[in-house]
Amino acid sequence: QTIAHKKGLLGIHIHNIKDTNNPSPIKGQSPI
């Protein structure tokens, strides 16, 4: 929808942000 409406798009990996639910950071594949 973002691309179809010609809006800006960016991705930010957040695996290195602390998380009490999932303390082991695993870098995910980018969908961008």
PDB file of all heavy atoms in Angstrom:
ATOM      1  N   GLN A   1       0.834  -1.205   0.000  1.00  0.00           N
ATOM      2  CA  GLN A   1       0.000   0.000   0.000  1.00  0.00           C
ATOM      3  C   GLN A   1       0.871   1.258   0.000  1.00  0.00           C
ATOM      4  O   GLN A   1       0.547   2.241  -0.670  1.00  0.00           O
ATOM      5  CB  GLN A   1      -0.936   0.010   1.216  1.00  0.00           C
ATOM      6  CG  GLN A   1      -2.039  -1.027   1.137  1.00  0.00           C
ATOM      7  CD  GLN A   1      -2.940  -0.778  -0.061  1.00  0.00           C
ATOM      8  OE1 GLN A   1      -2.775  -1.354  -1.127  1.00  0.00           O
ATOM      9  NE2 GLN A   1      -3.904   0.103   0.116  1.00  0.00           N
ATOM     10  N   THR A   2       1.953   1.226   0.740  1.00  0.00           N
ATOM     11  CA  THR A   2       2.869   2.364   0.789  1.00  0.00           C
ATOM     12  C   THR A   2       3.436   2.652  -0.599  1.00  0.00           C
ATOM     13  O   THR A   2       3.438   3.804  -1.055  1.00  0.00           O
ATOM     14  CB  THR A   2       4.020   2.074   1.785  1.00  0.00           C
ATOM     15  OG1 THR A   2       3.464   1.889   3.087  1.00  0.00           O
ATOM     16  CG2 THR A   2       5.031   3.206   1.808  1.00  0.00           C
ATOM     17  N   ILE A   3       3.888   1.615  -1.267  1.00  0.00           N
ATOM     18  CA  ILE A   3       4.459   1.775  -2.604  1.00  0.00           C
ATOM     19  C   ILE A   3       3.380   2.224  -3.598  1.00  0.00           C
ATOM     20  O   ILE A   3       3.611   3.136  -4.396  1.00  0.00           O
ATOM     21  CB  ILE A   3       5.137   0.468  -3.054  1.00  0.00           C
ATOM     22  CG1 ILE A   3       6.364   0.195  -2.157  1.00  0.00           C
ATOM     23  CG2 ILE A   3       5.528   0.528  -4.525  1.00  0.00           C
ATOM     24  CD1 ILE A   3       6.953  -1.191  -2.309  1.00  0.00           C
ATOM     25  N   ALA A   4       2.207   1.613  -3.518  1.00  0.00           N
ATOM     26  CA  ALA A   4       1.116   1.970  -4.437  1.00  0.00           C
ATOM     27  C   ALA A   4       0.714   3.436  -4.307  1.00  0.00           C
ATOM     28  O   ALA A   4       0.331   4.077  -5.295  1.00  0.00           O
ATOM     29  CB  ALA A   4      -0.095   1.061  -4.195  1.00  0.00           C
ATOM     30  N   HIS A   5       0.788   3.970  -3.094  1.00  0.00           N
ATOM     31  CA  HIS A   5       0.401   5.367  -2.857  1.00  0.00           C
ATOM     32  C   HIS A   5       1.592   6.329  -2.904  1.00  0.00           C
ATOM     33  O   HIS A   5       1.472   7.491  -2.505  1.00  0.00           O
ATOM     34  CB  HIS A   5      -0.349   5.489  -1.528  1.00  0.00           C
ATOM     35  CG  HIS A   5      -1.705   4.861  -1.593  1.00  0.00           C
ATOM     36  ND1 HIS A   5      -1.940   3.572  -1.177  1.00  0.00           N
ATOM     37  CD2 HIS A   5      -2.885   5.334  -2.049  1.00  0.00           C
ATOM     38  CE1 HIS A   5      -3.218   3.270  -1.371  1.00  0.00           C
ATOM     39  NE2 HIS A   5      -3.811   4.321  -1.903  1.00  0.00           N
ATOM     40  N   LYS A   6       2.750   5.802  -3.369  1.00  0.00           N
ATOM     41  CA  LYS A   6       3.952   6.620  -3.565  1.00  0.00           C
ATOM     42  C   LYS A   6       4.383   7.376  -2.312  1.00  0.00           C
ATOM     43  O   LYS A   6       4.732   8.553  -2.350  1.00  0.00           O
ATOM     44  CB  LYS A   6       3.763   7.580  -4.737  1.00  0.00           C
ATOM     45  CG  LYS A   6       3.539   6.859  -6.059  1.00  0.00           C
ATOM     46  CD  LYS A   6       3.360   7.830  -7.190  1.00  0.00           C
ATOM     47  CE  LYS A   6       3.213   7.245  -8.553  1.00  0.00           C
ATOM     48  NZ  LYS A   6       2.834   5.946  -8.789  1.00  0.00           N
ATOM     49  N   LYS A   7       4.346   6.667  -1.191  1.00  0.00           N
ATOM     50  CA  LYS A   7       4.801   7.231   0.084  1.00  0.00           C
ATOM     51  C   LYS A   7       6.234   6.793   0.337  1.00  0.00           C
ATOM     52  O   LYS A   7       6.719   5.835  -0.268  1.00  0.00           O
ATOM     53  CB  LYS A   7       3.908   6.749   1.237  1.00  0.00           C
ATOM     54  CG  LYS A   7       2.463   7.182   1.088  1.00  0.00           C
ATOM     55  CD  LYS A   7       1.621   6.648   2.211  1.00  0.00           C
ATOM     56  CE  LYS A   7       0.163   7.011   1.953  1.00  0.00           C
ATOM     57  NZ  LYS A   7      -0.603   7.133   3.159  1.00  0.00           N
ATOM     58  N   GLY A   8       6.902   7.479   1.234  1.00  0.00           N
ATOM     59  CA  GLY A   8       8.243   7.078   1.621  1.00  0.00           C
ATOM     60  C   GLY A   8       8.209   5.752   2.364  1.00  0.00           C
ATOM     61  O   GLY A   8       7.239   5.437   3.059  1.00  0.00           O
ATOM     62  N   LEU A   9       9.263   4.972   2.213  1.00  0.00           N
ATOM     63  CA  LEU A   9       9.345   3.662   2.850  1.00  0.00           C
ATOM     64  C   LEU A   9      10.775   3.424   3.310  1.00  0.00           C
ATOM     65  O   LEU A   9      11.724   3.681   2.570  1.00  0.00           O
ATOM     66  CB  LEU A   9       8.938   2.568   1.860  1.00  0.00           C
ATOM     67  CG  LEU A   9       9.057   1.119   2.319  1.00  0.00           C
ATOM     68  CD1 LEU A   9       8.094   0.819   3.472  1.00  0.00           C
ATOM     69  CD2 LEU A   9       8.781   0.178   1.143  1.00  0.00           C
ATOM     70  N   LEU A  10      10.917   2.953   4.535  1.00  0.00           N
ATOM     71  CA  LEU A  10      12.220   2.547   5.037  1.00  0.00           C
ATOM     72  C   LEU A  10      12.039   1.446   6.061  1.00  0.00           C
ATOM     73  O   LEU A  10      10.954   1.262   6.619  1.00  0.00           O
ATOM     74  CB  LEU A  10      12.978   3.728   5.662  1.00  0.00           C
ATOM     75  CG  LEU A  10      12.445   4.262   6.987  1.00  0.00           C
ATOM     76  CD1 LEU A  10      13.514   4.182   8.054  1.00  0.00           C
ATOM     77  CD2 LEU A  10      12.001   5.693   6.796  1.00  0.00           C
ATOM     78  N   GLY A  11      13.096   0.704   6.267  1.00  0.00           N
ATOM     79  CA  GLY A  11      13.090  -0.357   7.268  1.00  0.00           C
ATOM     80  C   GLY A  11      14.175  -0.119   8.299  1.00  0.00           C
ATOM     81  O   GLY A  11      15.231   0.439   7.976  1.00  0.00           O
ATOM     82  N   ILE A  12      13.895  -0.547   9.520  1.00  0.00           N
ATOM     83  CA  ILE A  12      14.884  -0.465  10.598  1.00  0.00           C
ATOM     84  C   ILE A  12      14.898  -1.812  11.328  1.00  0.00           C
ATOM     85  O   ILE A  12      13.868  -2.232  11.861  1.00  0.00           O
ATOM     86  CB  ILE A  12      14.558   0.657  11.605  1.00  0.00           C
ATOM     87  CG1 ILE A  12      14.456   2.013  10.906  1.00  0.00           C
ATOM     88  CG2 ILE A  12      15.611   0.685  12.722  1.00  0.00           C
ATOM     89  CD1 ILE A  12      13.969   3.138  11.816  1.00  0.00           C
ATOM     90  N   HIS A  13      16.046  -2.450  11.331  1.00  0.00           N
ATOM     91  CA  HIS A  13      16.186  -3.690  12.103  1.00  0.00           C
ATOM     92  C   HIS A  13      16.185  -3.337  13.591  1.00  0.00           C
ATOM     93  O   HIS A  13      16.887  -2.420  14.013  1.00  0.00           O
ATOM     94  CB  HIS A  13      17.486  -4.413  11.737  1.00  0.00           C
ATOM     95  CG  HIS A  13      17.431  -5.097  10.416  1.00  0.00           C
ATOM     96  ND1 HIS A  13      16.839  -6.325  10.243  1.00  0.00           N
ATOM     97  CD2 HIS A  13      17.877  -4.708   9.198  1.00  0.00           C
ATOM     98  CE1 HIS A  13      16.929  -6.680   8.979  1.00  0.00           C
ATOM     99  NE2 HIS A  13      17.553  -5.712   8.315  1.00  0.00           N
ATOM    100  N   ILE A  14      15.382  -4.063  14.360  1.00  0.00           N
ATOM    101  CA  ILE A  14      15.253  -3.760  15.787  1.00  0.00           C
ATOM    102  C   ILE A  14      15.714  -4.916  16.677  1.00  0.00           C
ATOM    103  O   ILE A  14      15.459  -4.910  17.872  1.00  0.00           O
ATOM    104  CB  ILE A  14      13.811  -3.335  16.140  1.00  0.00           C
ATOM    105  CG1 ILE A  14      12.808  -4.440  15.799  1.00  0.00           C
ATOM    106  CG2 ILE A  14      13.451  -2.023  15.441  1.00  0.00           C
ATOM    107  CD1 ILE A  14      11.394  -4.179  16.299  1.00  0.00           C
ATOM    108  N   HIS A  15      16.418  -5.880  16.110  1.00  0.00           N
ATOM    109  CA  HIS A  15      16.827  -7.056  16.891  1.00  0.00           C
ATOM    110  C   HIS A  15      17.785  -6.718  18.033  1.00  0.00           C
ATOM    111  O   HIS A  15      17.851  -7.460  19.004  1.00  0.00           O
ATOM    112  CB  HIS A  15      17.436  -8.115  15.980  1.00  0.00           C
ATOM    113  CG  HIS A  15      18.687  -7.690  15.295  1.00  0.00           C
ATOM    114  ND1 HIS A  15      18.679  -6.804  14.239  1.00  0.00           N
ATOM    115  CD2 HIS A  15      19.982  -8.004  15.527  1.00  0.00           C
ATOM    116  CE1 HIS A  15      19.914  -6.603  13.838  1.00  0.00           C
ATOM    117  NE2 HIS A  15      20.733  -7.321  14.615  1.00  0.00           N
ATOM    118  N   ASN A  16      18.501  -5.605  17.930  1.00  0.00           N
ATOM    119  CA  ASN A  16      19.437  -5.240  18.999  1.00  0.00           C
ATOM    120  C   ASN A  16      18.809  -4.372  20.086  1.00  0.00           C
ATOM    121  O   ASN A  16      19.497  -3.966  21.016  1.00  0.00           O
ATOM    122  CB  ASN A  16      20.662  -4.525  18.411  1.00  0.00           C
ATOM    123  CG  ASN A  16      21.622  -5.499  17.764  1.00  0.00           C
ATOM    124  OD1 ASN A  16      21.803  -6.610  18.241  1.00  0.00           O
ATOM    125  ND2 ASN A  16      22.221  -5.096  16.659  1.00  0.00           N
ATOM    126  N   ILE A  17      17.526  -4.084  19.971  1.00  0.00           N
ATOM    127  CA  ILE A  17      16.814  -3.355  21.028  1.00  0.00           C
ATOM    128  C   ILE A  17      16.461  -4.367  22.114  1.00  0.00           C
ATOM    129  O   ILE A  17      16.005  -5.480  21.822  1.00  0.00           O
ATOM    130  CB  ILE A  17      15.525  -2.686  20.477  1.00  0.00           C
ATOM    131  CG1 ILE A  17      15.854  -1.710  19.349  1.00  0.00           C
ATOM    132  CG2 ILE A  17      14.728  -2.030  21.584  1.00  0.00           C
ATOM    133  CD1 ILE A  17      16.531  -0.447  19.771  1.00  0.00           C
ATOM    134  N   LYS A  18      16.628  -4.005  23.364  1.00  0.00           N
ATOM    135  CA  LYS A  18      16.334  -4.925  24.472  1.00  0.00           C
ATOM    136  C   LYS A  18      14.866  -5.327  24.471  1.00  0.00           C
ATOM    137  O   LYS A  18      13.985  -4.534  24.154  1.00  0.00           O
ATOM    138  CB  LYS A  18      16.691  -4.284  25.801  1.00  0.00           C
ATOM    139  CG  LYS A  18      18.181  -4.115  25.979  1.00  0.00           C
ATOM    140  CD  LYS A  18      18.511  -3.485  27.305  1.00  0.00           C
ATOM    141  CE  LYS A  18      20.004  -3.281  27.416  1.00  0.00           C
ATOM    142  NZ  LYS A  18      20.371  -2.552  28.616  1.00  0.00           N
ATOM    143  N   ASP A  19      14.621  -6.581  24.847  1.00  0.00           N
ATOM    144  CA  ASP A  19      13.269  -7.126  24.868  1.00  0.00           C
ATOM    145  C   ASP A  19      13.178  -8.148  25.997  1.00  0.00           C
ATOM    146  O   ASP A  19      13.886  -9.153  25.982  1.00  0.00           O
ATOM    147  CB  ASP A  19      12.963  -7.796  23.529  1.00  0.00           C
ATOM    148  CG  ASP A  19      11.551  -8.311  23.421  1.00  0.00           C
ATOM    149  OD1 ASP A  19      10.849  -8.438  24.444  1.00  0.00           O
ATOM    150  OD2 ASP A  19      11.123  -8.612  22.295  1.00  0.00           O
ATOM    151  N   THR A  20      12.309  -7.902  26.978  1.00  0.00           N
ATOM    152  CA  THR A  20      12.175  -8.847  28.088  1.00  0.00           C
ATOM    153  C   THR A  20      11.480 -10.133  27.668  1.00  0.00           C
ATOM    154  O   THR A  20      11.684 -11.173  28.275  1.00  0.00           O
ATOM    155  CB  THR A  20      11.402  -8.235  29.263  1.00  0.00           C
ATOM    156  OG1 THR A  20      10.112  -7.860  28.814  1.00  0.00           O
ATOM    157  CG2 THR A  20      12.126  -7.042  29.830  1.00  0.00           C
ATOM    158  N   ASN A  21      10.660 -10.072  26.616  1.00  0.00           N
ATOM    159  CA  ASN A  21       9.961 -11.275  26.156  1.00  0.00           C
ATOM    160  C   ASN A  21      10.872 -12.198  25.354  1.00  0.00           C
ATOM    161  O   ASN A  21      10.673 -13.397  25.324  1.00  0.00           O
ATOM    162  CB  ASN A  21       8.756 -10.895  25.292  1.00  0.00           C
ATOM    163  CG  ASN A  21       7.722 -10.138  26.077  1.00  0.00           C
ATOM    164  OD1 ASN A  21       7.542 -10.363  27.271  1.00  0.00           O
ATOM    165  ND2 ASN A  21       7.035  -9.216  25.420  1.00  0.00           N
ATOM    166  N   ASN A  22      11.840 -11.619  24.662  1.00  0.00           N
ATOM    167  CA  ASN A  22      12.722 -12.396  23.802  1.00  0.00           C
ATOM    168  C   ASN A  22      14.131 -11.808  23.884  1.00  0.00           C
ATOM    169  O   ASN A  22      14.532 -11.040  23.014  1.00  0.00           O
ATOM    170  CB  ASN A  22      12.200 -12.377  22.360  1.00  0.00           C
ATOM    171  CG  ASN A  22      13.003 -13.289  21.452  1.00  0.00           C
ATOM    172  OD1 ASN A  22      13.881 -14.014  21.907  1.00  0.00           O
ATOM    173  ND2 ASN A  22      12.707 -13.226  20.175  1.00  0.00           N
ATOM    174  N   PRO A  23      14.884 -12.141  24.937  1.00  0.00           N
ATOM    175  CA  PRO A  23      16.180 -11.511  25.157  1.00  0.00           C
ATOM    176  C   PRO A  23      17.267 -11.900  24.159  1.00  0.00           C
ATOM    177  O   PRO A  23      18.280 -11.239  24.080  1.00  0.00           O
ATOM    178  CB  PRO A  23      16.552 -11.943  26.571  1.00  0.00           C
ATOM    179  CG  PRO A  23      15.777 -13.178  26.804  1.00  0.00           C
ATOM    180  CD  PRO A  23      14.525 -13.075  25.978  1.00  0.00           C
ATOM    181  N   SER A  24      17.076 -12.968  23.406  1.00  0.00           N
ATOM    182  CA  SER A  24      18.082 -13.384  22.433  1.00  0.00           C
ATOM    183  C   SER A  24      17.794 -12.720  21.088  1.00  0.00           C
ATOM    184  O   SER A  24      16.836 -13.087  20.411  1.00  0.00           O
ATOM    185  CB  SER A  24      18.070 -14.899  22.252  1.00  0.00           C
ATOM    186  OG  SER A  24      18.356 -15.528  23.466  1.00  0.00           O
ATOM    187  N   PRO A  25      18.614 -11.750  20.693  1.00  0.00           N
ATOM    188  CA  PRO A  25      18.338 -11.055  19.440  1.00  0.00           C
ATOM    189  C   PRO A  25      18.646 -11.917  18.221  1.00  0.00           C
ATOM    190  O   PRO A  25      19.722 -12.503  18.121  1.00  0.00           O
ATOM    191  CB  PRO A  25      19.257  -9.844  19.493  1.00  0.00           C
ATOM    192  CG  PRO A  25      20.371 -10.241  20.385  1.00  0.00           C
ATOM    193  CD  PRO A  25      19.798 -11.225  21.356  1.00  0.00           C
ATOM    194  N   ILE A  26      17.673 -12.021  17.347  1.00  0.00           N
ATOM    195  CA  ILE A  26      17.857 -12.728  16.086  1.00  0.00           C
ATOM    196  C   ILE A  26      17.465 -11.750  14.988  1.00  0.00           C
ATOM    197  O   ILE A  26      16.332 -11.261  14.953  1.00  0.00           O
ATOM    198  CB  ILE A  26      16.983 -13.998  16.001  1.00  0.00           C
ATOM    199  CG1 ILE A  26      17.383 -14.982  17.106  1.00  0.00           C
ATOM    200  CG2 ILE A  26      17.097 -14.632  14.622  1.00  0.00           C
ATOM    201  CD1 ILE A  26      16.469 -16.184  17.230  1.00  0.00           C
ATOM    202  N   LYS A  27      18.405 -11.452  14.113  1.00  0.00           N
ATOM    203  CA  LYS A  27      18.138 -10.519  13.029  1.00  0.00           C
ATOM    204  C   LYS A  27      17.238 -11.182  12.002  1.00  0.00           C
ATOM    205  O   LYS A  27      17.531 -12.262  11.503  1.00  0.00           O
ATOM    206  CB  LYS A  27      19.449 -10.079  12.379  1.00  0.00           C
ATOM    207  CG  LYS A  27      19.256  -9.055  11.287  1.00  0.00           C
ATOM    208  CD  LYS A  27      20.602  -8.625  10.727  1.00  0.00           C
ATOM    209  CE  LYS A  27      20.424  -7.675   9.580  1.00  0.00           C
ATOM    210  NZ  LYS A  27      21.715  -7.289   9.007  1.00  0.00           N
ATOM    211  N   GLY A  28      16.131 -10.527  11.702  1.00  0.00           N
ATOM    212  CA  GLY A  28      15.186 -11.054  10.730  1.00  0.00           C
ATOM    213  C   GLY A  28      15.502 -10.601   9.318  1.00  0.00           C
ATOM    214  O   GLY A  28      16.221  -9.622   9.097  1.00  0.00           O
ATOM    215  N   GLN A  29      14.937 -11.327   8.380  1.00  0.00           N
ATOM    216  CA  GLN A  29      15.064 -10.983   6.969  1.00  0.00           C
ATOM    217  C   GLN A  29      14.229  -9.732   6.690  1.00  0.00           C
ATOM    218  O   GLN A  29      13.120  -9.588   7.200  1.00  0.00           O
ATOM    219  CB  GLN A  29      14.559 -12.156   6.141  1.00  0.00           C
ATOM    220  CG  GLN A  29      14.570 -11.947   4.658  1.00  0.00           C
ATOM    221  CD  GLN A  29      14.005 -13.165   3.939  1.00  0.00           C
ATOM    222  OE1 GLN A  29      14.011 -14.281   4.446  1.00  0.00           O
ATOM    223  NE2 GLN A  29      13.494 -12.935   2.750  1.00  0.00           N
ATOM    224  N   SER A  30      14.722  -8.848   5.872  1.00  0.00           N
ATOM    225  CA  SER A  30      13.989  -7.623   5.553  1.00  0.00           C
ATOM    226  C   SER A  30      12.894  -7.888   4.522  1.00  0.00           C
ATOM    227  O   SER A  30      13.147  -8.508   3.495  1.00  0.00           O
ATOM    228  CB  SER A  30      14.935  -6.560   5.000  1.00  0.00           C
ATOM    229  OG  SER A  30      14.192  -5.445   4.555  1.00  0.00           O
ATOM    230  N   PRO A  31      11.679  -7.385   4.772  1.00  0.00           N
ATOM    231  CA  PRO A  31      10.604  -7.507   3.784  1.00  0.00           C
ATOM    232  C   PRO A  31      10.596  -6.340   2.793  1.00  0.00           C
ATOM    233  O   PRO A  31       9.776  -6.298   1.881  1.00  0.00           O
ATOM    234  CB  PRO A  31       9.346  -7.479   4.651  1.00  0.00           C
ATOM    235  CG  PRO A  31       9.717  -6.600   5.798  1.00  0.00           C
ATOM    236  CD  PRO A  31      11.181  -6.875   6.048  1.00  0.00           C
ATOM    237  N   ILE A  32      11.512  -5.400   2.960  1.00  0.00           N
ATOM    238  CA  ILE A  32      11.545  -4.196   2.135  1.00  0.00           C
ATOM    239  C   ILE A  32      12.138  -4.525   0.767  1.00  0.00           C
ATOM    240  O   ILE A  32      13.221  -5.118   0.694  1.00  0.00           O
ATOM    241  CB  ILE A  32      12.389  -3.093   2.815  1.00  0.00           C
ATOM    242  CG1 ILE A  32      11.914  -2.811   4.235  1.00  0.00           C
ATOM    243  CG2 ILE A  32      12.415  -1.822   1.979  1.00  0.00           C
ATOM    244  CD1 ILE A  32      10.606  -2.119   4.337  1.00  0.00           C
TER     245      ILE A  32
END
